[in-house]
Amino acid sequence: MDFIKKYKHILVPTLLILILILIFLTYYLIFSSNFLSGLWVCDDDFCTNSEINQLLFYIGGGDLFDTKKVCVLILDSNDIPYQFVFDMEYNPITKKMKLISDEESIFPDSMDMNLSFIHGSLILSDDEQEYARLYKDNINNV
């Protein structure tokens, strides 16, 4: 009891700061989970430079803190459609994603996922290469 009285001026602000950090992290996880779900469309310049017609990436919703989401990737390259359905494990803190599928993919099994709330963009990359630059399709995500 003497300890609490002696250090009350330090313990109270520390506890308040920890509660604020917890609230911020919870809000960030909720917002990023909701923002991530939906349809993403490839950037036109990226499509032109990659010599593809279109790339669509759909990320399914799910439970609030569920890091595993069902995804569909549709790629139109030289009028040859390619569809890939897979599960994705995403860690919003480290911004890493892992593709889980029995099928062979054009993407590596593990990538970095740079999600920008401000620009509404999603960049899939690893240390060597940028695989997709996408923007949130807010018109079709209503």
N, C-alpha and C. Protein backbone atom coordinates (compact mmCIF):
# COMPACT_ATOMS: atom_id res chain seq x y z
N MET A 1 0.82 -1.18 0.00
CA MET A 1 0.00 0.00 0.00
C MET A 1 0.87 1.26 0.00
N ASP A 2 1.95 1.21 0.71
CA ASP A 2 2.86 2.35 0.73
C ASP A 2 3.48 2.59 -0.65
N PHE A 3 3.70 1.47 -1.35
CA PHE A 3 4.27 1.57 -2.69
C PHE A 3 3.35 2.37 -3.61
N ILE A 4 2.06 2.07 -3.57
CA ILE A 4 1.08 2.76 -4.41
C ILE A 4 1.00 4.24 -4.04
N LYS A 5 0.97 4.53 -2.77
CA LYS A 5 0.92 5.93 -2.35
C LYS A 5 2.18 6.67 -2.74
N LYS A 6 3.31 5.99 -2.61
CA LYS A 6 4.59 6.63 -2.89
C LYS A 6 4.76 6.94 -4.38
N TYR A 7 4.29 6.01 -5.25
CA TYR A 7 4.50 6.15 -6.68
C TYR A 7 3.21 6.42 -7.45
N LYS A 8 2.21 6.95 -6.78
CA LYS A 8 0.92 7.22 -7.41
C LYS A 8 1.07 8.22 -8.57
N HIS A 9 1.91 9.18 -8.43
CA HIS A 9 2.09 10.19 -9.47
C HIS A 9 2.73 9.60 -10.74
N ILE A 10 3.36 8.44 -10.65
CA ILE A 10 3.93 7.76 -11.81
C ILE A 10 2.99 6.68 -12.33
N LEU A 11 2.35 5.95 -11.44
CA LEU A 11 1.49 4.84 -11.83
C LEU A 11 0.23 5.28 -12.58
N VAL A 12 -0.40 6.34 -12.16
CA VAL A 12 -1.64 6.79 -12.80
C VAL A 12 -1.40 7.21 -14.25
N PRO A 13 -0.42 8.08 -14.54
CA PRO A 13 -0.18 8.44 -15.95
C PRO A 13 0.27 7.24 -16.80
N THR A 14 1.06 6.35 -16.21
CA THR A 14 1.51 5.16 -16.94
C THR A 14 0.32 4.28 -17.30
N LEU A 15 -0.59 4.09 -16.36
CA LEU A 15 -1.78 3.29 -16.62
C LEU A 15 -2.65 3.95 -17.69
N LEU A 16 -2.80 5.26 -17.65
CA LEU A 16 -3.58 5.97 -18.66
C LEU A 16 -2.96 5.84 -20.05
N ILE A 17 -1.65 5.93 -20.11
CA ILE A 17 -0.95 5.79 -21.39
C ILE A 17 -1.13 4.38 -21.93
N LEU A 18 -1.03 3.36 -21.09
CA LEU A 18 -1.23 1.98 -21.54
C LEU A 18 -2.66 1.76 -22.03
N ILE A 19 -3.63 2.33 -21.37
CA ILE A 19 -5.03 2.21 -21.80
C ILE A 19 -5.22 2.90 -23.15
N LEU A 20 -4.63 4.07 -23.34
CA LEU A 20 -4.73 4.78 -24.62
C LEU A 20 -4.06 3.99 -25.75
N ILE A 21 -2.93 3.38 -25.48
CA ILE A 21 -2.25 2.55 -26.48
C ILE A 21 -3.12 1.36 -26.85
N LEU A 22 -3.73 0.73 -25.88
CA LEU A 22 -4.61 -0.41 -26.13
C LEU A 22 -5.82 0.00 -26.97
N ILE A 23 -6.40 1.14 -26.66
CA ILE A 23 -7.54 1.64 -27.44
C ILE A 23 -7.11 1.94 -28.88
N PHE A 24 -5.95 2.59 -29.04
CA PHE A 24 -5.45 2.89 -30.38
C PHE A 24 -5.19 1.62 -31.18
N LEU A 25 -4.54 0.63 -30.60
CA LEU A 25 -4.26 -0.62 -31.31
C LEU A 25 -5.54 -1.34 -31.70
N THR A 26 -6.51 -1.36 -30.82
CA THR A 26 -7.80 -2.00 -31.13
C THR A 26 -8.47 -1.28 -32.29
N TYR A 27 -8.50 0.05 -32.23
CA TYR A 27 -9.09 0.83 -33.32
C TYR A 27 -8.36 0.58 -34.63
N TYR A 28 -7.03 0.55 -34.60
CA TYR A 28 -6.23 0.31 -35.80
C TYR A 28 -6.54 -1.06 -36.40
N LEU A 29 -6.62 -2.09 -35.57
CA LEU A 29 -6.91 -3.44 -36.05
C LEU A 29 -8.30 -3.53 -36.66
N ILE A 30 -9.28 -2.90 -36.03
CA ILE A 30 -10.65 -2.90 -36.56
C ILE A 30 -10.69 -2.16 -37.89
N PHE A 31 -10.10 -0.98 -37.94
CA PHE A 31 -10.13 -0.16 -39.15
C PHE A 31 -9.38 -0.85 -40.29
N SER A 32 -8.21 -1.41 -40.02
CA SER A 32 -7.44 -2.05 -41.09
C SER A 32 -8.13 -3.30 -41.61
N SER A 33 -8.80 -4.04 -40.73
CA SER A 33 -9.53 -5.24 -41.15
C SER A 33 -10.69 -4.85 -42.06
N ASN A 34 -11.44 -3.83 -41.68
CA ASN A 34 -12.57 -3.38 -42.50
C ASN A 34 -12.10 -2.75 -43.81
N PHE A 35 -11.02 -1.98 -43.76
CA PHE A 35 -10.52 -1.30 -44.95
C PHE A 35 -9.93 -2.29 -45.95
N LEU A 36 -9.29 -3.33 -45.46
CA LEU A 36 -8.63 -4.30 -46.32
C LEU A 36 -9.63 -5.11 -47.14
N SER A 37 -10.77 -5.42 -46.56
CA SER A 37 -11.77 -6.24 -47.25
C SER A 37 -12.40 -5.46 -48.40
N GLY A 38 -12.63 -6.16 -49.50
CA GLY A 38 -13.29 -5.55 -50.65
C GLY A 38 -12.50 -5.75 -51.93
N LEU A 39 -12.88 -4.99 -52.94
CA LEU A 39 -12.29 -5.11 -54.27
C LEU A 39 -11.16 -4.09 -54.45
N TRP A 40 -10.04 -4.57 -54.95
CA TRP A 40 -8.87 -3.73 -55.25
C TRP A 40 -8.59 -3.83 -56.74
N VAL A 41 -8.31 -2.70 -57.38
CA VAL A 41 -8.08 -2.63 -58.82
C VAL A 41 -6.65 -2.17 -59.06
N CYS A 42 -6.01 -2.80 -60.03
CA CYS A 42 -4.61 -2.48 -60.32
C CYS A 42 -4.48 -1.08 -60.94
N ASP A 43 -3.41 -0.41 -60.60
CA ASP A 43 -3.08 0.90 -61.14
C ASP A 43 -2.83 0.80 -62.64
N ASP A 44 -3.36 1.75 -63.42
CA ASP A 44 -3.23 1.71 -64.88
C ASP A 44 -1.78 1.75 -65.34
N ASP A 45 -0.96 2.60 -64.72
CA ASP A 45 0.46 2.67 -65.10
C ASP A 45 1.17 1.36 -64.82
N PHE A 46 0.82 0.73 -63.69
CA PHE A 46 1.44 -0.55 -63.35
C PHE A 46 1.04 -1.61 -64.38
N CYS A 47 -0.24 -1.62 -64.78
CA CYS A 47 -0.70 -2.58 -65.80
C CYS A 47 0.04 -2.37 -67.11
N THR A 48 0.18 -1.12 -67.52
CA THR A 48 0.88 -0.82 -68.78
C THR A 48 2.33 -1.28 -68.72
N ASN A 49 3.02 -0.95 -67.63
CA ASN A 49 4.42 -1.34 -67.49
C ASN A 49 4.58 -2.85 -67.38
N SER A 50 3.59 -3.53 -66.82
CA SER A 50 3.66 -4.98 -66.65
C SER A 50 3.11 -5.74 -67.86
N GLU A 51 2.61 -4.99 -68.83
CA GLU A 51 2.04 -5.57 -70.04
C GLU A 51 0.88 -6.51 -69.75
N ILE A 52 0.00 -6.07 -68.85
CA ILE A 52 -1.23 -6.81 -68.58
C ILE A 52 -2.41 -5.86 -68.81
N ASN A 53 -3.58 -6.44 -69.09
CA ASN A 53 -4.75 -5.62 -69.34
C ASN A 53 -5.41 -5.16 -68.04
N GLN A 54 -5.55 -6.08 -67.09
CA GLN A 54 -6.24 -5.75 -65.84
C GLN A 54 -5.86 -6.76 -64.76
N LEU A 55 -5.88 -6.29 -63.54
CA LEU A 55 -5.65 -7.13 -62.37
C LEU A 55 -6.63 -6.70 -61.30
N LEU A 56 -7.47 -7.62 -60.87
CA LEU A 56 -8.43 -7.37 -59.80
C LEU A 56 -8.10 -8.29 -58.64
N PHE A 57 -8.21 -7.77 -57.44
CA PHE A 57 -7.88 -8.54 -56.25
C PHE A 57 -9.01 -8.33 -55.24
N TYR A 58 -9.74 -9.40 -54.95
CA TYR A 58 -10.84 -9.32 -53.99
C TYR A 58 -10.40 -9.97 -52.69
N ILE A 59 -10.57 -9.25 -51.59
CA ILE A 59 -10.25 -9.78 -50.26
C ILE A 59 -11.55 -9.87 -49.49
N GLY A 60 -11.91 -11.08 -49.12
CA GLY A 60 -13.17 -11.31 -48.42
C GLY A 60 -13.13 -10.80 -47.00
N GLY A 61 -14.31 -10.56 -46.47
CA GLY A 61 -14.42 -10.12 -45.09
C GLY A 61 -14.17 -11.29 -44.16
N GLY A 62 -14.61 -11.18 -42.97
CA GLY A 62 -14.42 -12.25 -42.00
C GLY A 62 -14.65 -11.71 -40.61
N ASP A 63 -14.35 -12.53 -39.66
CA ASP A 63 -14.47 -12.08 -38.28
C ASP A 63 -13.48 -10.96 -38.03
N LEU A 64 -13.79 -10.15 -37.05
CA LEU A 64 -13.04 -8.93 -36.80
C LEU A 64 -11.54 -9.17 -36.63
N PHE A 65 -11.17 -10.10 -35.78
CA PHE A 65 -9.74 -10.32 -35.52
C PHE A 65 -9.22 -11.58 -36.22
N ASP A 66 -9.96 -12.04 -37.22
CA ASP A 66 -9.53 -13.20 -37.99
C ASP A 66 -8.49 -12.73 -39.01
N THR A 67 -7.29 -13.26 -38.93
CA THR A 67 -6.22 -12.84 -39.84
C THR A 67 -6.23 -13.65 -41.13
N LYS A 68 -7.08 -14.66 -41.21
CA LYS A 68 -7.14 -15.48 -42.42
C LYS A 68 -8.36 -15.06 -43.24
N LYS A 69 -8.13 -14.67 -44.49
CA LYS A 69 -9.20 -14.20 -45.35
C LYS A 69 -9.17 -14.94 -46.68
N VAL A 70 -10.34 -15.14 -47.27
CA VAL A 70 -10.44 -15.76 -48.58
C VAL A 70 -10.25 -14.68 -49.64
N CYS A 71 -9.44 -14.97 -50.65
CA CYS A 71 -9.12 -13.98 -51.67
C CYS A 71 -9.30 -14.57 -53.06
N VAL A 72 -9.59 -13.69 -54.01
CA VAL A 72 -9.68 -14.07 -55.42
C VAL A 72 -8.85 -13.07 -56.21
N LEU A 73 -7.98 -13.59 -57.05
CA LEU A 73 -7.14 -12.76 -57.91
C LEU A 73 -7.55 -13.05 -59.36
N ILE A 74 -7.91 -12.01 -60.11
CA ILE A 74 -8.27 -12.16 -61.51
C ILE A 74 -7.30 -11.32 -62.32
N LEU A 75 -6.60 -11.98 -63.22
CA LEU A 75 -5.58 -11.33 -64.03
C LEU A 75 -5.94 -11.53 -65.50
N ASP A 76 -5.95 -10.46 -66.27
CA ASP A 76 -6.19 -10.52 -67.71
C ASP A 76 -4.91 -10.10 -68.40
N SER A 77 -4.18 -11.09 -68.91
CA SER A 77 -2.92 -10.82 -69.56
C SER A 77 -3.02 -11.26 -71.02
N ASN A 78 -2.93 -10.31 -71.92
CA ASN A 78 -3.04 -10.59 -73.36
C ASN A 78 -4.29 -11.38 -73.68
N ASP A 79 -5.40 -10.94 -73.08
CA ASP A 79 -6.72 -11.55 -73.28
C ASP A 79 -6.78 -13.02 -72.84
N ILE A 80 -5.86 -13.43 -71.98
CA ILE A 80 -5.91 -14.77 -71.39
C ILE A 80 -6.24 -14.58 -69.91
N PRO A 81 -7.47 -14.93 -69.51
CA PRO A 81 -7.85 -14.71 -68.10
C PRO A 81 -7.20 -15.76 -67.19
N TYR A 82 -6.84 -15.31 -66.03
CA TYR A 82 -6.24 -16.17 -65.01
C TYR A 82 -6.95 -15.87 -63.71
N GLN A 83 -7.51 -16.91 -63.08
CA GLN A 83 -8.20 -16.73 -61.80
C GLN A 83 -7.53 -17.63 -60.77
N PHE A 84 -7.27 -17.05 -59.60
CA PHE A 84 -6.59 -17.78 -58.54
C PHE A 84 -7.33 -17.51 -57.24
N VAL A 85 -7.86 -18.55 -56.63
CA VAL A 85 -8.57 -18.44 -55.35
C VAL A 85 -7.67 -19.04 -54.27
N PHE A 86 -7.49 -18.30 -53.18
CA PHE A 86 -6.59 -18.76 -52.13
C PHE A 86 -7.00 -18.17 -50.79
N ASP A 87 -6.43 -18.69 -49.75
CA ASP A 87 -6.56 -18.10 -48.42
C ASP A 87 -5.34 -17.24 -48.17
N MET A 88 -5.55 -16.18 -47.43
CA MET A 88 -4.45 -15.28 -47.12
C MET A 88 -4.40 -15.09 -45.61
N GLU A 89 -3.23 -15.26 -45.05
CA GLU A 89 -3.01 -14.91 -43.65
C GLU A 89 -2.30 -13.56 -43.65
N TYR A 90 -2.86 -12.61 -42.90
CA TYR A 90 -2.33 -11.26 -42.90
C TYR A 90 -2.11 -10.81 -41.47
N ASN A 91 -0.93 -10.26 -41.22
CA ASN A 91 -0.62 -9.71 -39.92
C ASN A 91 -0.57 -8.19 -40.05
N PRO A 92 -1.58 -7.47 -39.50
CA PRO A 92 -1.63 -6.02 -39.69
C PRO A 92 -0.51 -5.26 -38.97
N ILE A 93 0.12 -5.89 -38.00
CA ILE A 93 1.20 -5.22 -37.28
C ILE A 93 2.50 -5.28 -38.09
N THR A 94 2.88 -6.47 -38.58
CA THR A 94 4.11 -6.61 -39.35
C THR A 94 3.90 -6.35 -40.84
N LYS A 95 2.64 -6.28 -41.28
CA LYS A 95 2.27 -6.05 -42.68
C LYS A 95 2.84 -7.12 -43.60
N LYS A 96 2.79 -8.35 -43.14
CA LYS A 96 3.22 -9.49 -43.94
C LYS A 96 1.99 -10.30 -44.32
N MET A 97 1.99 -10.86 -45.52
CA MET A 97 0.91 -11.74 -45.93
C MET A 97 1.49 -13.05 -46.42
N LYS A 98 0.72 -14.10 -46.23
CA LYS A 98 1.14 -15.42 -46.66
C LYS A 98 -0.01 -16.04 -47.45
N LEU A 99 0.30 -16.50 -48.67
CA LEU A 99 -0.71 -17.15 -49.50
C LEU A 99 -0.77 -18.63 -49.16
N ILE A 100 -1.99 -19.13 -48.99
CA ILE A 100 -2.19 -20.53 -48.66
C ILE A 100 -3.07 -21.15 -49.73
N SER A 101 -2.48 -22.04 -50.54
CA SER A 101 -3.24 -22.68 -51.60
C SER A 101 -2.52 -23.93 -52.06
N ASP A 102 -3.31 -24.84 -52.62
CA ASP A 102 -2.73 -26.05 -53.21
C ASP A 102 -2.30 -25.80 -54.65
N GLU A 103 -2.87 -24.75 -55.26
CA GLU A 103 -2.55 -24.41 -56.64
C GLU A 103 -1.22 -23.66 -56.72
N GLU A 104 -0.61 -23.72 -57.90
CA GLU A 104 0.59 -22.94 -58.12
C GLU A 104 0.19 -21.51 -58.47
N SER A 105 0.90 -20.54 -57.96
CA SER A 105 0.54 -19.13 -58.14
C SER A 105 1.64 -18.40 -58.89
N ILE A 106 1.25 -17.25 -59.47
CA ILE A 106 2.24 -16.38 -60.10
C ILE A 106 2.94 -15.52 -59.06
N PHE A 107 2.43 -15.52 -57.84
CA PHE A 107 3.01 -14.75 -56.75
C PHE A 107 3.79 -15.67 -55.81
N PRO A 108 4.77 -15.13 -55.09
CA PRO A 108 5.47 -15.94 -54.10
C PRO A 108 4.55 -16.26 -52.92
N ASP A 109 4.92 -17.24 -52.11
CA ASP A 109 4.09 -17.65 -50.97
C ASP A 109 4.01 -16.59 -49.89
N SER A 110 5.03 -15.75 -49.78
CA SER A 110 5.06 -14.74 -48.73
C SER A 110 5.46 -13.40 -49.33
N MET A 111 4.69 -12.35 -48.97
CA MET A 111 4.97 -11.01 -49.49
C MET A 111 4.72 -9.97 -48.41
N ASP A 112 5.28 -8.78 -48.65
CA ASP A 112 4.96 -7.63 -47.82
C ASP A 112 3.72 -6.98 -48.40
N MET A 113 2.91 -6.44 -47.51
CA MET A 113 1.65 -5.83 -47.92
C MET A 113 1.64 -4.40 -47.37
N ASN A 114 1.93 -3.43 -48.22
CA ASN A 114 1.98 -2.04 -47.80
C ASN A 114 0.61 -1.41 -48.03
N LEU A 115 -0.15 -1.25 -46.95
CA LEU A 115 -1.51 -0.72 -47.00
C LEU A 115 -1.48 0.74 -46.56
N SER A 116 -1.95 1.63 -47.44
CA SER A 116 -2.00 3.06 -47.12
C SER A 116 -3.45 3.50 -47.02
N PHE A 117 -3.85 3.90 -45.81
CA PHE A 117 -5.21 4.38 -45.61
C PHE A 117 -5.40 5.74 -46.28
N ILE A 118 -4.38 6.55 -46.28
CA ILE A 118 -4.47 7.91 -46.82
C ILE A 118 -4.68 7.88 -48.34
N HIS A 119 -3.90 7.05 -49.04
CA HIS A 119 -3.98 6.99 -50.49
C HIS A 119 -4.95 5.92 -50.99
N GLY A 120 -5.43 5.08 -50.10
CA GLY A 120 -6.32 3.99 -50.51
C GLY A 120 -5.61 3.00 -51.40
N SER A 121 -4.34 2.77 -51.10
CA SER A 121 -3.53 1.90 -51.96
C SER A 121 -3.03 0.67 -51.20
N LEU A 122 -2.72 -0.33 -51.98
CA LEU A 122 -2.19 -1.59 -51.47
C LEU A 122 -1.09 -2.04 -52.42
N ILE A 123 0.12 -2.20 -51.91
CA ILE A 123 1.24 -2.63 -52.73
C ILE A 123 1.72 -3.98 -52.23
N LEU A 124 1.75 -4.95 -53.12
CA LEU A 124 2.24 -6.29 -52.81
C LEU A 124 3.66 -6.41 -53.35
N SER A 125 4.61 -6.71 -52.47
CA SER A 125 6.01 -6.74 -52.89
C SER A 125 6.81 -7.66 -51.97
N ASP A 126 8.04 -7.89 -52.35
CA ASP A 126 9.01 -8.51 -51.46
C ASP A 126 10.28 -7.67 -51.56
N ASP A 127 11.40 -8.18 -51.09
CA ASP A 127 12.64 -7.39 -51.10
C ASP A 127 13.13 -7.10 -52.51
N GLU A 128 12.75 -7.94 -53.47
CA GLU A 128 13.30 -7.83 -54.81
C GLU A 128 12.38 -7.18 -55.82
N GLN A 129 11.06 -7.33 -55.66
CA GLN A 129 10.16 -6.96 -56.73
C GLN A 129 8.81 -6.46 -56.20
N GLU A 130 8.20 -5.56 -56.95
CA GLU A 130 6.83 -5.12 -56.68
C GLU A 130 5.91 -5.95 -57.58
N TYR A 131 4.97 -6.68 -56.98
CA TYR A 131 4.11 -7.59 -57.73
C TYR A 131 2.79 -6.95 -58.15
N ALA A 132 2.29 -6.02 -57.38
CA ALA A 132 1.03 -5.36 -57.74
C ALA A 132 0.92 -4.04 -56.98
N ARG A 133 0.39 -3.04 -57.68
CA ARG A 133 0.05 -1.75 -57.07
C ARG A 133 -1.44 -1.56 -57.29
N LEU A 134 -2.19 -1.62 -56.22
CA LEU A 134 -3.66 -1.63 -56.31
C LEU A 134 -4.27 -0.46 -55.57
N TYR A 135 -5.48 -0.11 -55.99
CA TYR A 135 -6.24 0.95 -55.33
C TYR A 135 -7.62 0.42 -54.96
N LYS A 136 -8.12 0.85 -53.85
CA LYS A 136 -9.43 0.42 -53.35
C LYS A 136 -10.51 0.90 -54.32
N ASP A 137 -11.37 -0.01 -54.75
CA ASP A 137 -12.48 0.33 -55.62
C ASP A 137 -13.68 0.66 -54.76
N ASN A 138 -13.76 1.92 -54.35
CA ASN A 138 -14.82 2.33 -53.42
C ASN A 138 -16.20 2.34 -54.06
N ILE A 139 -16.28 2.45 -55.38
CA ILE A 139 -17.59 2.47 -56.05
C ILE A 139 -18.25 1.10 -55.92
N ASN A 140 -17.51 0.03 -56.10
CA ASN A 140 -18.09 -1.32 -56.06
C ASN A 140 -18.06 -1.93 -54.66
N ASN A 141 -17.57 -1.20 -53.67
CA ASN A 141 -17.49 -1.72 -52.31
C ASN A 141 -18.55 -1.15 -51.40
N VAL A 142 -19.61 -0.65 -51.96
CA VAL A 142 -20.66 -0.02 -51.15
C VAL A 142 -21.47 -1.08 -50.46
